[in-house]
Amino acid sequence: MRENGRSMIEMLGVLAIVGVLSVGAMSGYAKAMLKYKLNKQTEQIGSILDYASLYSEELRESRVWYAAELMNKLGAIPPEMIDENDREYIYDVFGNKILLTFTGSSGEHYKGMKINIGDSTRDICINLFQMAKLRSGLIWQTLFTRSTEDVSGEFANRVFGDAYCPRVRTCLKDLTMDKMDELCSACTGTNECSFSILWDYQGSKN
């Protein structure tokens, strides 16, 4: 006589298979979500740079520290990046705090953004470099530093746009994945990393 149902061993086997499939599905979902957010971040930051180039004449004489409100009035900032309760900063899809600054010193002025990425993953750092590389013609320089206190940082971590890139400097247009990875390693061991993108530089091209 044939017994109905499954044995305990069979049931445990089924549960094990379901568990493995669930882990794989969760891993696949996490990777898909990361890819979506990286693409969204590229769209968000890229939009600001594109608008800054489009309105370069209107923005040229601006000397404000906190430029988010000004850029917002021009329609340069995607709505989802704006926190109505925070007029100083905007935020990317990862929740990273971004400061837009139009300032300078000693007769040199720049316009740019500083993205406080904390101890974010290598993927986010490289994504920002790749986005900047695609817009190297619009950018003075990028700067990846271990501290959020100063936008200047280490000269060795500066990568220059097309108009500011003599042979002795690292050029955005020439960045390889290996070089991006090397630069992004500056974040190791700290949670205060920042990625700055500066454009519309006025002063010496030193």
C-alpha atoms as a PDB file:
ATOM      1  CA  MET A   1       0.000   0.000   0.000  1.00  0.00           C
ATOM      2  CA  ARG A   2       1.391   3.390  -1.065  1.00  0.00           C
ATOM      3  CA  GLU A   3       1.568   6.078   1.627  1.00  0.00           C
ATOM      4  CA  ASN A   4       0.470   9.631   0.826  1.00  0.00           C
ATOM      5  CA  GLY A   5       2.535  12.692   1.681  1.00  0.00           C
ATOM      6  CA  ARG A   6       6.240  13.359   1.911  1.00  0.00           C
ATOM      7  CA  SER A   7       8.876  12.202   4.312  1.00  0.00           C
ATOM      8  CA  MET A   8      10.645  14.613   6.651  1.00  0.00           C
ATOM      9  CA  ILE A   9      13.848  14.267   4.638  1.00  0.00           C
ATOM     10  CA  GLU A  10      12.035  15.215   1.431  1.00  0.00           C
ATOM     11  CA  MET A  11      10.444  18.233   3.100  1.00  0.00           C
ATOM     12  CA  LEU A  12      13.793  19.407   4.458  1.00  0.00           C
ATOM     13  CA  GLY A  13      15.238  19.050   0.982  1.00  0.00           C
ATOM     14  CA  VAL A  14      12.462  21.185  -0.500  1.00  0.00           C
ATOM     15  CA  LEU A  15      12.968  23.845   2.190  1.00  0.00           C
ATOM     16  CA  ALA A  16      16.706  23.909   1.495  1.00  0.00           C
ATOM     17  CA  ILE A  17      16.091  24.420  -2.219  1.00  0.00           C
ATOM     18  CA  VAL A  18      13.589  27.212  -1.518  1.00  0.00           C
ATOM     19  CA  GLY A  19      16.098  28.852   0.825  1.00  0.00           C
ATOM     20  CA  VAL A  20      18.855  28.800  -1.792  1.00  0.00           C
ATOM     21  CA  LEU A  21      16.514  30.216  -4.432  1.00  0.00           C
ATOM     22  CA  SER A  22      15.372  32.951  -2.035  1.00  0.00           C
ATOM     23  CA  VAL A  23      18.956  33.990  -1.280  1.00  0.00           C
ATOM     24  CA  GLY A  24      19.696  34.124  -4.998  1.00  0.00           C
ATOM     25  CA  ALA A  25      16.585  36.198  -5.648  1.00  0.00           C
ATOM     26  CA  MET A  26      17.468  38.651  -2.871  1.00  0.00           C
ATOM     27  CA  SER A  27      21.013  38.972  -4.179  1.00  0.00           C
ATOM     28  CA  GLY A  28      19.717  39.597  -7.693  1.00  0.00           C
ATOM     29  CA  TYR A  29      17.265  42.203  -6.398  1.00  0.00           C
ATOM     30  CA  ALA A  30      20.026  43.991  -4.460  1.00  0.00           C
ATOM     31  CA  LYS A  31      22.234  44.131  -7.557  1.00  0.00           C
ATOM     32  CA  ALA A  32      19.367  45.400  -9.705  1.00  0.00           C
ATOM     33  CA  MET A  33      18.496  48.073  -7.135  1.00  0.00           C
ATOM     34  CA  LEU A  34      22.127  49.211  -6.902  1.00  0.00           C
ATOM     35  CA  LYS A  35      22.317  49.471 -10.687  1.00  0.00           C
ATOM     36  CA  TYR A  36      19.088  51.483 -10.754  1.00  0.00           C
ATOM     37  CA  LYS A  37      20.392  53.873  -8.081  1.00  0.00           C
ATOM     38  CA  LEU A  38      23.753  54.310  -9.821  1.00  0.00           C
ATOM     39  CA  ASN A  39      21.961  55.191 -13.060  1.00  0.00           C
ATOM     40  CA  LYS A  40      19.675  57.572 -11.159  1.00  0.00           C
ATOM     41  CA  GLN A  41      22.643  59.228  -9.472  1.00  0.00           C
ATOM     42  CA  THR A  42      24.275  59.758 -12.874  1.00  0.00           C
ATOM     43  CA  GLU A  43      21.049  61.341 -14.103  1.00  0.00           C
ATOM     44  CA  GLN A  44      20.729  63.608 -11.053  1.00  0.00           C
ATOM     45  CA  ILE A  45      24.306  64.909 -10.896  1.00  0.00           C
ATOM     46  CA  GLY A  46      24.565  65.065 -14.676  1.00  0.00           C
ATOM     47  CA  SER A  47      21.417  67.189 -14.856  1.00  0.00           C
ATOM     48  CA  ILE A  48      22.928  69.797 -12.534  1.00  0.00           C
ATOM     49  CA  LEU A  49      26.147  69.950 -14.567  1.00  0.00           C
ATOM     50  CA  ASP A  50      24.238  70.230 -17.830  1.00  0.00           C
ATOM     51  CA  TYR A  51      22.102  73.091 -16.500  1.00  0.00           C
ATOM     52  CA  ALA A  52      25.196  74.821 -15.086  1.00  0.00           C
ATOM     53  CA  SER A  53      26.698  74.770 -18.567  1.00  0.00           C
ATOM     54  CA  LEU A  54      23.435  75.929 -20.161  1.00  0.00           C
ATOM     55  CA  TYR A  55      23.127  78.898 -17.770  1.00  0.00           C
ATOM     56  CA  SER A  56      26.845  79.625 -17.470  1.00  0.00           C
ATOM     57  CA  GLU A  57      26.450  83.317 -18.392  1.00  0.00           C
ATOM     58  CA  GLU A  58      23.638  83.865 -15.892  1.00  0.00           C
ATOM     59  CA  LEU A  59      25.655  82.172 -13.146  1.00  0.00           C
ATOM     60  CA  ARG A  60      29.059  83.681 -13.940  1.00  0.00           C
ATOM     61  CA  GLU A  61      28.853  86.614 -11.538  1.00  0.00           C
ATOM     62  CA  SER A  62      27.227  84.713  -8.681  1.00  0.00           C
ATOM     63  CA  ARG A  63      29.345  84.513  -5.502  1.00  0.00           C
ATOM     64  CA  VAL A  64      27.052  82.716  -3.056  1.00  0.00           C
ATOM     65  CA  TRP A  65      28.198  79.944  -0.716  1.00  0.00           C
ATOM     66  CA  TYR A  66      24.937  78.052  -0.685  1.00  0.00           C
ATOM     67  CA  ALA A  67      23.724  77.908  -4.272  1.00  0.00           C
ATOM     68  CA  ALA A  68      21.057  75.196  -4.037  1.00  0.00           C
ATOM     69  CA  GLU A  69      18.237  77.746  -3.882  1.00  0.00           C
ATOM     70  CA  LEU A  70      19.624  79.656  -6.882  1.00  0.00           C
ATOM     71  CA  MET A  71      20.038  76.498  -8.973  1.00  0.00           C
ATOM     72  CA  ASN A  72      16.581  75.333  -7.948  1.00  0.00           C
ATOM     73  CA  LYS A  73      15.044  78.540  -9.305  1.00  0.00           C
ATOM     74  CA  LEU A  74      16.669  77.782 -12.672  1.00  0.00           C
ATOM     75  CA  GLY A  75      15.098  74.320 -12.677  1.00  0.00           C
ATOM     76  CA  ALA A  76      18.536  72.712 -12.522  1.00  0.00           C
ATOM     77  CA  ILE A  77      17.842  70.423  -9.586  1.00  0.00           C
ATOM     78  CA  PRO A  78      15.582  67.348  -9.966  1.00  0.00           C
ATOM     79  CA  PRO A  79      12.671  67.694  -7.488  1.00  0.00           C
ATOM     80  CA  GLU A  80      13.463  64.444  -5.683  1.00  0.00           C
ATOM     81  CA  MET A  81      16.844  65.873  -4.610  1.00  0.00           C
ATOM     82  CA  ILE A  82      15.247  68.722  -2.672  1.00  0.00           C
ATOM     83  CA  ASP A  83      14.346  68.647   1.005  1.00  0.00           C
ATOM     84  CA  GLU A  84      11.907  71.498   1.664  1.00  0.00           C
ATOM     85  CA  ASN A  85      13.228  71.761   5.216  1.00  0.00           C
ATOM     86  CA  ASP A  86      16.867  72.086   4.151  1.00  0.00           C
ATOM     87  CA  ARG A  87      17.795  75.138   2.051  1.00  0.00           C
ATOM     88  CA  GLU A  88      21.526  74.502   2.377  1.00  0.00           C
ATOM     89  CA  TYR A  89      21.918  70.985   0.972  1.00  0.00           C
ATOM     90  CA  ILE A  90      20.387  68.729  -1.635  1.00  0.00           C
ATOM     91  CA  TYR A  91      20.467  64.907  -1.599  1.00  0.00           C
ATOM     92  CA  ASP A  92      21.151  62.261  -4.233  1.00  0.00           C
ATOM     93  CA  VAL A  93      19.310  58.949  -4.615  1.00  0.00           C
ATOM     94  CA  PHE A  94      21.630  57.323  -2.031  1.00  0.00           C
ATOM     95  CA  GLY A  95      20.862  60.051   0.519  1.00  0.00           C
ATOM     96  CA  ASN A  96      24.333  61.574   0.150  1.00  0.00           C
ATOM     97  CA  LYS A  97      24.430  65.238   1.187  1.00  0.00           C
ATOM     98  CA  ILE A  98      25.461  67.635  -1.613  1.00  0.00           C
ATOM     99  CA  LEU A  99      26.633  71.227  -1.126  1.00  0.00           C
ATOM    100  CA  LEU A 100      26.523  73.542  -4.148  1.00  0.00           C
ATOM    101  CA  THR A 101      29.063  76.361  -3.741  1.00  0.00           C
ATOM    102  CA  PHE A 102      29.880  79.364  -5.944  1.00  0.00           C
ATOM    103  CA  THR A 103      32.929  80.936  -4.327  1.00  0.00           C
ATOM    104  CA  GLY A 104      36.711  81.159  -4.161  1.00  0.00           C
ATOM    105  CA  SER A 105      39.635  83.140  -2.757  1.00  0.00           C
ATOM    106  CA  SER A 106      42.720  85.139  -3.787  1.00  0.00           C
ATOM    107  CA  GLY A 107      41.164  86.260  -7.059  1.00  0.00           C
ATOM    108  CA  GLU A 108      40.229  82.719  -8.039  1.00  0.00           C
ATOM    109  CA  HIS A 109      36.578  81.733  -8.233  1.00  0.00           C
ATOM    110  CA  TYR A 110      34.872  78.480  -9.031  1.00  0.00           C
ATOM    111  CA  LYS A 111      31.460  76.946  -9.068  1.00  0.00           C
ATOM    112  CA  GLY A 112      31.006  73.384  -7.965  1.00  0.00           C
ATOM    113  CA  MET A 113      29.459  70.750  -5.772  1.00  0.00           C
ATOM    114  CA  LYS A 114      30.796  68.672  -2.907  1.00  0.00           C
ATOM    115  CA  ILE A 115      29.170  65.268  -2.415  1.00  0.00           C
ATOM    116  CA  ASN A 116      29.683  63.809   1.056  1.00  0.00           C
ATOM    117  CA  ILE A 117      29.706  60.099   0.275  1.00  0.00           C
ATOM    118  CA  GLY A 118      30.929  58.900   3.678  1.00  0.00           C
ATOM    119  CA  ASP A 119      32.279  55.377   3.492  1.00  0.00           C
ATOM    120  CA  SER A 120      30.131  54.572   0.460  1.00  0.00           C
ATOM    121  CA  THR A 121      30.973  51.663  -1.765  1.00  0.00           C
ATOM    122  CA  ARG A 122      33.531  51.575  -4.523  1.00  0.00           C
ATOM    123  CA  ASP A 123      30.646  51.347  -6.998  1.00  0.00           C
ATOM    124  CA  ILE A 124      29.335  54.806  -6.035  1.00  0.00           C
ATOM    125  CA  CYS A 125      32.753  56.425  -6.195  1.00  0.00           C
ATOM    126  CA  ILE A 126      33.540  54.932  -9.601  1.00  0.00           C
ATOM    127  CA  ASN A 127      30.077  55.881 -10.854  1.00  0.00           C
ATOM    128  CA  LEU A 128      30.792  59.543 -10.060  1.00  0.00           C
ATOM    129  CA  PHE A 129      34.119  59.368 -11.900  1.00  0.00           C
ATOM    130  CA  GLN A 130      32.444  57.779 -14.919  1.00  0.00           C
ATOM    131  CA  MET A 131      29.741  60.454 -14.948  1.00  0.00           C
ATOM    132  CA  ALA A 132      32.378  63.204 -14.734  1.00  0.00           C
ATOM    133  CA  LYS A 133      34.420  61.572 -17.498  1.00  0.00           C
ATOM    134  CA  LEU A 134      31.426  61.757 -19.839  1.00  0.00           C
ATOM    135  CA  ARG A 135      31.250  65.510 -19.137  1.00  0.00           C
ATOM    136  CA  SER A 136      34.968  66.259 -19.054  1.00  0.00           C
ATOM    137  CA  GLY A 137      34.442  69.178 -21.433  1.00  0.00           C
ATOM    138  CA  LEU A 138      32.268  70.959 -18.824  1.00  0.00           C
ATOM    139  CA  ILE A 139      34.491  70.411 -15.794  1.00  0.00           C
ATOM    140  CA  TRP A 140      37.507  72.182 -14.316  1.00  0.00           C
ATOM    141  CA  GLN A 141      38.438  69.332 -11.991  1.00  0.00           C
ATOM    142  CA  THR A 142      37.185  66.580  -9.737  1.00  0.00           C
ATOM    143  CA  LEU A 143      38.629  66.044  -6.305  1.00  0.00           C
ATOM    144  CA  PHE A 144      38.279  62.946  -4.166  1.00  0.00           C
ATOM    145  CA  THR A 145      39.387  63.408  -0.553  1.00  0.00           C
ATOM    146  CA  ARG A 146      39.262  61.637   2.791  1.00  0.00           C
ATOM    147  CA  SER A 147      37.963  64.739   4.585  1.00  0.00           C
ATOM    148  CA  THR A 148      34.784  66.754   4.139  1.00  0.00           C
ATOM    149  CA  GLU A 149      36.303  69.829   5.777  1.00  0.00           C
ATOM    150  CA  ASP A 150      38.067  71.359   2.781  1.00  0.00           C
ATOM    151  CA  VAL A 151      37.371  71.333  -0.939  1.00  0.00           C
ATOM    152  CA  SER A 152      41.096  71.653  -1.807  1.00  0.00           C
ATOM    153  CA  GLY A 153      42.460  68.392  -0.388  1.00  0.00           C
ATOM    154  CA  GLU A 154      45.371  66.481  -1.882  1.00  0.00           C
ATOM    155  CA  PHE A 155      46.607  67.560  -5.308  1.00  0.00           C
ATOM    156  CA  ALA A 156      47.348  63.945  -6.166  1.00  0.00           C
ATOM    157  CA  ASN A 157      43.628  63.183  -6.083  1.00  0.00           C
ATOM    158  CA  ARG A 158      42.689  65.920  -8.556  1.00  0.00           C
ATOM    159  CA  VAL A 159      41.616  64.946 -12.063  1.00  0.00           C
ATOM    160  CA  PHE A 160      41.199  67.711 -14.633  1.00  0.00           C
ATOM    161  CA  GLY A 161      38.707  68.443 -17.386  1.00  0.00           C
ATOM    162  CA  ASP A 162      39.633  68.959 -21.032  1.00  0.00           C
ATOM    163  CA  ALA A 163      40.450  72.684 -20.901  1.00  0.00           C
ATOM    164  CA  TYR A 164      42.649  72.399 -17.801  1.00  0.00           C
ATOM    165  CA  CYS A 165      44.583  69.247 -18.477  1.00  0.00           C
ATOM    166  CA  PRO A 166      48.192  69.613 -19.655  1.00  0.00           C
ATOM    167  CA  ARG A 167      50.342  66.516 -20.014  1.00  0.00           C
ATOM    168  CA  VAL A 168      51.646  66.598 -16.447  1.00  0.00           C
ATOM    169  CA  ARG A 169      48.178  66.151 -14.977  1.00  0.00           C
ATOM    170  CA  THR A 170      45.653  63.349 -14.768  1.00  0.00           C
ATOM    171  CA  CYS A 171      42.847  63.945 -17.269  1.00  0.00           C
ATOM    172  CA  LEU A 172      39.232  62.888 -16.822  1.00  0.00           C
ATOM    173  CA  LYS A 173      38.990  61.818 -20.446  1.00  0.00           C
ATOM    174  CA  ASP A 174      41.928  59.410 -19.961  1.00  0.00           C
ATOM    175  CA  LEU A 175      40.750  57.750 -16.736  1.00  0.00           C
ATOM    176  CA  THR A 176      40.785  53.966 -16.764  1.00  0.00           C
ATOM    177  CA  MET A 177      38.838  51.691 -14.419  1.00  0.00           C
ATOM    178  CA  ASP A 178      42.103  50.809 -12.661  1.00  0.00           C
ATOM    179  CA  LYS A 179      42.893  54.490 -12.059  1.00  0.00           C
ATOM    180  CA  MET A 180      39.357  55.161 -10.798  1.00  0.00           C
ATOM    181  CA  ASP A 181      39.705  52.226  -8.430  1.00  0.00           C
ATOM    182  CA  GLU A 182      43.045  53.564  -7.193  1.00  0.00           C
ATOM    183  CA  LEU A 183      41.594  57.023  -6.528  1.00  0.00           C
ATOM    184  CA  CYS A 184      38.528  55.590  -4.823  1.00  0.00           C
ATOM    185  CA  SER A 185      40.713  53.604  -2.420  1.00  0.00           C
ATOM    186  CA  ALA A 186      41.290  56.912  -0.585  1.00  0.00           C
ATOM    187  CA  CYS A 187      38.026  56.160   1.237  1.00  0.00           C
ATOM    188  CA  THR A 188      39.441  53.100   2.970  1.00  0.00           C
ATOM    189  CA  GLY A 189      39.389  53.488   6.739  1.00  0.00           C
ATOM    190  CA  THR A 190      37.311  56.669   6.945  1.00  0.00           C
ATOM    191  CA  ASN A 191      33.656  57.684   6.863  1.00  0.00           C
ATOM    192  CA  GLU A 192      34.292  61.313   5.860  1.00  0.00           C
ATOM    193  CA  CYS A 193      35.024  60.982   2.160  1.00  0.00           C
ATOM    194  CA  SER A 194      33.875  63.674  -0.237  1.00  0.00           C
ATOM    195  CA  PHE A 195      33.772  63.849  -4.023  1.00  0.00           C
ATOM    196  CA  SER A 196      33.916  67.383  -5.431  1.00  0.00           C
ATOM    197  CA  ILE A 197      33.108  68.423  -8.987  1.00  0.00           C
ATOM    198  CA  LEU A 198      34.234  71.950  -9.833  1.00  0.00           C
ATOM    199  CA  TRP A 199      33.406  73.861 -13.003  1.00  0.00           C
ATOM    200  CA  ASP A 200      33.484  77.367 -14.528  1.00  0.00           C
ATOM    201  CA  TYR A 201      36.839  78.217 -12.988  1.00  0.00           C
ATOM    202  CA  GLN A 202      37.945  81.864 -13.166  1.00  0.00           C
ATOM    203  CA  GLY A 203      41.600  82.528 -12.418  1.00  0.00           C
ATOM    204  CA  SER A 204      44.965  81.045 -13.215  1.00  0.00           C
ATOM    205  CA  LYS A 205      44.971  77.604 -14.869  1.00  0.00           C
ATOM    206  CA  ASN A 206      47.682  76.348 -12.554  1.00  0.00           C
END
